[in-house]
Amino acid sequence: MQQEFRPTAEEMTGQQLPYPARQSDMDPAPDSDLSNYKPAGKLTDKVAIITGADSGIGRAVAIAFAMEGADVAIVYNENTDDAKYTKRLVESKGRRCLVIQADVRQKAECERVVQETVAEYSKLNILVNNAAFQMAQQKLEDITEEQLRRTFETNIFGYFFMAQAALPHLHEDDVIVNTGSIVGIVGNPILVDYTATKGAIHAFTKSLAIQLGERKIRVNCVAPGPVWTPNIPATMPKDEVKQFGHEVALARPGQPEELAPAYVLLASSDGSFMTGSIIEVTGGKLG
């Protein structure tokens, strides 16, 4: 196993970046190259769409899926350079990578993503809803209508729209994996609108899993704890970034590479009896 630098909360620098941040500008750089991952052909010849896959968790999931034998379509909104780099990383694993710029807040854009993916690969087996927006605010009164709409439209409308677009192409044993969050379970006082959307994603996951059970399409959710991704230095106060991950039992933020195996589990036959599940990958979130 390659030894990676995984800083403790005390070693975080408090870096601040403008939104939307690029992963290439982050210090320390997130561990998302899957250098420690041992693949086993669990997704051979599958096709996956991953939203929010230019960086962070989405990038790590795209690489892990490629290592397991899947071709992927990565969807991003703004950071073209990060998306191109993710494409190179995926292709370095010997699989194909379709890059699609789209705004998941728009139903027509989600339909276009699925159409382009199916046109390229002739099928679709896995949808990973991962795109997210957050912006910290100290007081409820400081959350503008614009921010509230952007948060909900990105984080929950986008999940609905992508699932609706994907479903006509999904069949028995295909899967949807949503990205929730531990804050959707325990709350966070400076992310009130974001936590509300993550709670909605958890409920969406469970309800859709029940609805799609008779079609043998599984729907599950990964609930990360604090993970070092571009959203953190771009949306959180400096004092929070400086001690990021301090509240978990392992006393450090998670790295994207550490989240990816949970998505592989849920996307593969290893998770064949899992649906409606919310898997917490949190470092021991202490509430």
Protein backbone atom coordinates (compact mmCIF):
# COMPACT_ATOMS: atom_id res chain seq x y z
CA MET A 1 0.00 0.00 0.00
CA GLN A 2 1.31 3.44 -0.94
CA GLN A 3 1.67 5.69 2.07
CA GLU A 4 -0.32 8.90 1.57
CA PHE A 5 -0.26 12.18 3.47
CA ARG A 6 -3.56 12.36 5.28
CA PRO A 7 -3.39 15.42 7.51
CA THR A 8 -5.00 15.52 10.92
CA ALA A 9 -7.37 18.33 11.81
CA GLU A 10 -4.48 20.04 13.60
CA GLU A 11 -2.41 19.97 10.41
CA MET A 12 -5.03 21.67 8.21
CA THR A 13 -3.95 25.08 6.89
CA GLY A 14 -7.17 27.08 6.83
CA GLN A 15 -6.83 27.67 3.09
CA GLN A 16 -9.54 29.78 1.46
CA LEU A 17 -10.33 29.62 -2.28
CA PRO A 18 -12.93 31.37 -4.46
CA TYR A 19 -15.99 29.38 -5.46
CA PRO A 20 -15.95 27.18 -7.49
CA ALA A 21 -12.54 25.99 -6.31
CA ARG A 22 -10.25 23.84 -8.43
CA GLN A 23 -8.80 20.72 -6.88
CA SER A 24 -5.44 21.58 -8.44
CA ASP A 25 -5.30 24.72 -6.25
CA MET A 26 -5.87 22.93 -2.95
CA ASP A 27 -3.16 22.69 -0.30
CA PRO A 28 -2.81 19.99 0.85
CA ALA A 29 -3.98 18.21 -2.28
CA PRO A 30 -6.79 15.69 -1.69
CA ASP A 31 -5.90 12.02 -1.95
CA SER A 32 -8.08 10.95 -4.86
CA ASP A 33 -5.85 8.97 -7.22
CA LEU A 34 -6.86 5.51 -5.89
CA SER A 35 -3.21 4.51 -5.52
CA ASN A 36 -4.14 2.35 -2.53
CA TYR A 37 -7.12 0.67 -4.18
CA LYS A 38 -7.04 -3.00 -5.16
CA PRO A 39 -9.57 -3.72 -7.95
CA ALA A 40 -11.18 -7.09 -8.60
CA GLY A 41 -13.18 -6.68 -11.83
CA LYS A 42 -16.41 -5.95 -9.98
CA LEU A 43 -17.87 -3.66 -12.67
CA THR A 44 -16.55 -5.26 -15.83
CA ASP A 45 -18.19 -3.78 -18.94
CA LYS A 46 -20.67 -1.70 -16.95
CA VAL A 47 -21.47 1.90 -17.91
CA ALA A 48 -21.80 4.59 -15.24
CA ILE A 49 -22.81 8.24 -15.12
CA ILE A 50 -21.28 10.19 -12.24
CA THR A 51 -22.36 13.78 -11.62
CA GLY A 52 -20.05 16.23 -9.92
CA ALA A 53 -17.13 14.10 -11.09
CA ASP A 54 -14.57 16.71 -12.08
CA SER A 55 -12.98 16.56 -8.61
CA GLY A 56 -13.31 15.32 -5.05
CA ILE A 57 -15.44 12.28 -4.31
CA GLY A 58 -16.82 12.13 -7.85
CA ARG A 59 -13.33 11.97 -9.35
CA ALA A 60 -12.30 9.19 -6.96
CA VAL A 61 -15.45 7.20 -7.77
CA ALA A 62 -14.85 7.58 -11.51
CA ILE A 63 -11.30 6.24 -11.15
CA ALA A 64 -12.41 3.36 -8.91
CA PHE A 65 -15.18 2.37 -11.33
CA ALA A 66 -12.68 2.43 -14.21
CA MET A 67 -10.28 0.26 -12.23
CA GLU A 68 -13.16 -2.19 -11.71
CA GLY A 69 -13.78 -2.35 -15.46
CA ALA A 70 -16.49 0.25 -16.12
CA ASP A 71 -16.67 2.93 -18.79
CA VAL A 72 -17.83 6.23 -17.32
CA ALA A 73 -19.46 9.51 -18.22
CA ILE A 74 -18.38 12.28 -15.89
CA VAL A 75 -20.66 15.28 -15.53
CA TYR A 76 -19.42 18.67 -14.35
CA ASN A 77 -20.65 22.25 -14.28
CA GLU A 78 -17.77 24.74 -14.32
CA ASN A 79 -14.23 23.43 -13.78
CA THR A 80 -13.20 22.22 -17.23
CA ASP A 81 -9.52 21.79 -16.34
CA ASP A 82 -10.36 19.52 -13.41
CA ALA A 83 -12.76 17.52 -15.60
CA LYS A 84 -10.11 17.03 -18.30
CA TYR A 85 -7.65 15.82 -15.69
CA THR A 86 -10.18 13.34 -14.33
CA LYS A 87 -10.68 12.06 -17.88
CA ARG A 88 -6.93 11.46 -18.20
CA LEU A 89 -6.87 9.60 -14.89
CA VAL A 90 -9.79 7.38 -15.90
CA GLU A 91 -8.31 6.62 -19.31
CA SER A 92 -4.98 5.77 -17.70
CA LYS A 93 -6.83 2.81 -16.14
CA GLY A 94 -7.70 1.48 -19.59
CA ARG A 95 -11.35 2.52 -19.75
CA ARG A 96 -13.28 5.10 -21.72
CA CYS A 97 -14.37 8.42 -20.25
CA LEU A 98 -17.01 10.73 -21.72
CA VAL A 99 -16.89 14.28 -20.35
CA ILE A 100 -20.19 16.20 -20.32
CA GLN A 101 -20.63 19.77 -19.13
CA ALA A 102 -24.17 20.25 -17.83
CA ASP A 103 -26.25 21.99 -15.18
CA VAL A 104 -28.18 19.31 -13.30
CA ARG A 105 -30.63 21.94 -12.06
CA GLN A 106 -32.21 21.79 -15.52
CA LYS A 107 -34.32 18.73 -16.39
CA ALA A 108 -33.49 19.04 -20.08
CA GLU A 109 -29.78 19.05 -19.28
CA CYS A 110 -30.12 15.83 -17.29
CA GLU A 111 -31.96 14.23 -20.18
CA ARG A 112 -29.16 15.34 -22.53
CA VAL A 113 -26.54 13.78 -20.24
CA VAL A 114 -28.27 10.41 -20.39
CA GLN A 115 -28.88 10.64 -24.13
CA GLU A 116 -25.23 11.43 -24.86
CA THR A 117 -24.05 8.62 -22.58
CA VAL A 118 -26.30 6.01 -24.16
CA ALA A 119 -25.38 7.24 -27.64
CA GLU A 120 -21.69 6.79 -26.79
CA TYR A 121 -21.84 3.49 -24.90
CA SER A 122 -25.17 1.95 -26.05
CA LYS A 123 -26.32 1.29 -22.48
CA LEU A 124 -26.43 2.55 -18.90
CA ASN A 125 -26.09 0.46 -15.73
CA ILE A 126 -25.13 2.81 -12.90
CA LEU A 127 -26.16 6.35 -11.96
CA VAL A 128 -24.19 8.11 -9.25
CA ASN A 129 -25.90 11.33 -8.15
CA ASN A 130 -23.08 13.29 -6.56
CA ALA A 131 -23.23 16.93 -7.72
CA ALA A 132 -23.70 19.30 -4.80
CA PHE A 133 -23.73 22.95 -3.81
CA GLN A 134 -23.21 24.39 -0.35
CA MET A 135 -22.38 27.78 1.12
CA ALA A 136 -21.94 28.32 4.85
CA GLN A 137 -23.96 31.04 6.57
CA GLN A 138 -23.85 31.85 10.28
CA LYS A 139 -27.53 32.87 10.53
CA LEU A 140 -30.70 31.61 8.88
CA GLU A 141 -31.52 35.19 7.91
CA ASP A 142 -28.33 35.33 5.83
CA ILE A 143 -29.47 32.55 3.47
CA THR A 144 -30.77 34.39 0.42
CA GLU A 145 -33.57 33.12 -1.74
CA GLU A 146 -31.04 32.72 -4.55
CA GLN A 147 -28.80 30.52 -2.38
CA LEU A 148 -31.74 28.47 -1.11
CA ARG A 149 -32.97 27.80 -4.64
CA ARG A 150 -29.49 26.93 -5.91
CA THR A 151 -28.88 24.52 -3.02
CA PHE A 152 -32.17 22.67 -3.42
CA GLU A 153 -32.16 22.70 -7.22
CA THR A 154 -28.63 21.29 -7.36
CA ASN A 155 -28.79 18.84 -4.49
CA ILE A 156 -32.27 17.34 -4.74
CA PHE A 157 -33.96 18.53 -7.96
CA GLY A 158 -30.86 17.37 -9.87
CA TYR A 159 -31.07 13.93 -8.26
CA PHE A 160 -34.72 13.60 -9.24
CA PHE A 161 -34.11 14.79 -12.80
CA MET A 162 -31.11 12.49 -13.33
CA ALA A 163 -32.99 9.48 -11.94
CA GLN A 164 -36.00 10.22 -14.13
CA ALA A 165 -33.80 10.49 -17.21
CA ALA A 166 -31.82 7.34 -16.40
CA LEU A 167 -34.68 5.00 -15.45
CA PRO A 168 -35.84 4.13 -18.98
CA HIS A 169 -32.36 2.70 -19.59
CA LEU A 170 -31.92 0.82 -16.29
CA HIS A 171 -32.84 -2.83 -15.94
CA GLU A 172 -32.70 -5.63 -13.38
CA ASP A 173 -29.49 -5.52 -11.30
CA ASP A 174 -28.73 -1.93 -12.34
CA VAL A 175 -28.27 0.66 -9.60
CA ILE A 176 -28.61 4.25 -8.46
CA VAL A 177 -26.21 5.51 -5.80
CA ASN A 178 -26.87 8.88 -4.18
CA THR A 179 -24.45 10.99 -2.17
CA GLY A 180 -26.02 12.10 1.09
CA SER A 181 -24.15 13.39 4.12
CA ILE A 182 -23.82 12.79 7.83
CA VAL A 183 -25.04 16.38 8.33
CA GLY A 184 -28.37 15.26 6.88
CA ILE A 185 -28.65 13.02 9.95
CA VAL A 186 -27.06 15.07 12.74
CA GLY A 187 -27.39 18.63 11.37
CA ASN A 188 -24.92 21.50 11.06
CA PRO A 189 -25.67 25.02 12.31
CA ILE A 190 -23.87 26.86 9.48
CA LEU A 191 -25.23 24.66 6.67
CA VAL A 192 -28.96 24.72 7.39
CA ASP A 193 -30.13 24.70 3.77
CA TYR A 194 -27.52 22.12 2.71
CA THR A 195 -28.39 19.78 5.59
CA ALA A 196 -32.06 20.00 4.65
CA THR A 197 -31.27 18.83 1.12
CA LYS A 198 -29.14 15.96 2.39
CA GLY A 199 -31.96 14.79 4.65
CA ALA A 200 -34.21 14.93 1.59
CA ILE A 201 -31.72 12.80 -0.37
CA HIS A 202 -31.81 10.14 2.35
CA ALA A 203 -35.62 10.02 2.23
CA PHE A 204 -35.57 10.05 -1.58
CA THR A 205 -33.20 7.08 -1.53
CA LYS A 206 -35.39 5.00 0.77
CA SER A 207 -38.65 5.79 -1.03
CA LEU A 208 -37.25 5.21 -4.51
CA ALA A 209 -35.68 1.93 -3.37
CA ILE A 210 -39.12 0.69 -2.30
CA GLN A 211 -40.71 1.84 -5.56
CA LEU A 212 -38.05 0.23 -7.77
CA GLY A 213 -37.74 -2.99 -5.78
CA GLU A 214 -40.20 -4.87 -8.01
CA ARG A 215 -38.03 -3.91 -11.01
CA LYS A 216 -34.94 -5.24 -9.19
CA ILE A 217 -33.18 -1.87 -9.49
CA ARG A 218 -31.32 -1.07 -6.30
CA VAL A 219 -31.10 2.46 -4.83
CA ASN A 220 -28.66 3.27 -2.04
CA CYS A 221 -26.85 6.22 -0.51
CA VAL A 222 -23.38 7.00 0.83
CA ALA A 223 -23.34 9.51 3.69
CA PRO A 224 -19.83 10.99 3.97
CA GLY A 225 -18.52 12.77 7.00
CA PRO A 226 -16.01 15.62 6.64
CA VAL A 227 -14.11 14.96 3.38
CA TRP A 228 -11.38 17.17 1.95
CA THR A 229 -12.83 18.33 -1.38
CA PRO A 230 -12.82 21.67 -3.27
CA ASN A 231 -16.15 22.66 -1.70
CA ILE A 232 -14.51 22.98 1.71
CA PRO A 233 -11.97 25.80 1.18
CA ALA A 234 -14.43 27.49 -1.20
CA THR A 235 -17.52 27.53 1.02
CA MET A 236 -16.54 27.19 4.67
CA PRO A 237 -15.24 29.83 7.13
CA LYS A 238 -11.47 29.88 7.59
CA ASP A 239 -11.64 28.75 11.22
CA GLU A 240 -13.67 25.68 10.16
CA VAL A 241 -11.22 24.83 7.37
CA LYS A 242 -8.27 25.24 9.72
CA GLN A 243 -9.59 22.50 12.01
CA PHE A 244 -11.51 20.53 9.41
CA GLY A 245 -12.33 17.04 10.63
CA HIS A 246 -11.68 17.80 14.30
CA GLU A 247 -15.10 16.53 15.40
CA VAL A 248 -14.72 12.90 14.28
CA ALA A 249 -13.23 10.02 16.22
CA LEU A 250 -10.25 9.71 13.84
CA ALA A 251 -9.51 13.44 14.32
CA ARG A 252 -8.93 14.15 10.62
CA PRO A 253 -10.90 14.74 7.43
CA GLY A 254 -11.53 11.83 5.12
CA GLN A 255 -9.94 11.74 1.69
CA PRO A 256 -11.92 11.10 -1.52
CA GLU A 257 -10.03 7.83 -2.08
CA GLU A 258 -11.43 6.54 1.20
CA LEU A 259 -15.03 7.09 0.06
CA ALA A 260 -14.81 5.42 -3.35
CA PRO A 261 -14.91 1.78 -2.12
CA ALA A 262 -18.35 2.33 -0.62
CA TYR A 263 -19.67 3.36 -4.03
CA VAL A 264 -18.09 0.28 -5.61
CA LEU A 265 -19.80 -1.92 -3.03
CA LEU A 266 -23.21 -0.41 -3.76
CA ALA A 267 -22.71 -0.43 -7.54
CA SER A 268 -21.52 -4.03 -7.73
CA SER A 269 -23.03 -7.45 -7.07
CA ASP A 270 -21.30 -7.39 -3.67
CA GLY A 271 -24.21 -5.18 -2.60
CA SER A 272 -26.88 -7.36 -4.21
CA PHE A 273 -29.06 -7.49 -1.06
CA MET A 274 -28.66 -3.80 -0.24
CA THR A 275 -31.30 -1.31 -1.25
CA GLY A 276 -32.64 1.71 0.61
CA SER A 277 -29.42 1.71 2.66
CA ILE A 278 -27.53 4.75 3.89
CA ILE A 279 -23.88 3.85 4.44
CA GLU A 280 -22.05 6.24 6.76
CA VAL A 281 -18.37 6.78 5.92
CA THR A 282 -17.57 9.40 8.50
CA GLY A 283 -14.39 8.70 10.46
CA GLY A 284 -16.64 8.25 13.50
CA LYS A 285 -18.82 11.35 13.43
CA LEU A 286 -19.51 12.37 17.00
CA GLY A 287 -22.82 14.14 16.42
